[in-house]
């Protein structure tokens, strides 16, 4: 039977970690190169990843500037009523790995 899935994979550097009681939010920068005329430009895209329970505990050893690999699922959520409904796309982490430590002098 076919399964419908919405997954993500990010390899990038940590910008900020916001740990709360039951959830940790990690801001991760991913860079994309594009050509503009004769030059190459780098665009940085910031992604906010939500880490619960055991994945959140793996984040405790990470720091700003660390290169990480995160995989997980994409979830759409909403809040509000009537014409005041706001939608949000959440990236929920299933795995979190530190690939390299950031240079603390440059961050």
Foldseek 3Di string as FASTA:
>chain_A
DDDDFAKDKDWFFWADWDDDDFKIKTKGWDWDWDDDPPDIDIDIDIDIAIEGDPQVVVCVPADGQFTKMWMAGWDKDWDDDDPPIDIDIHHYTPHMDGPGHGDVVVD
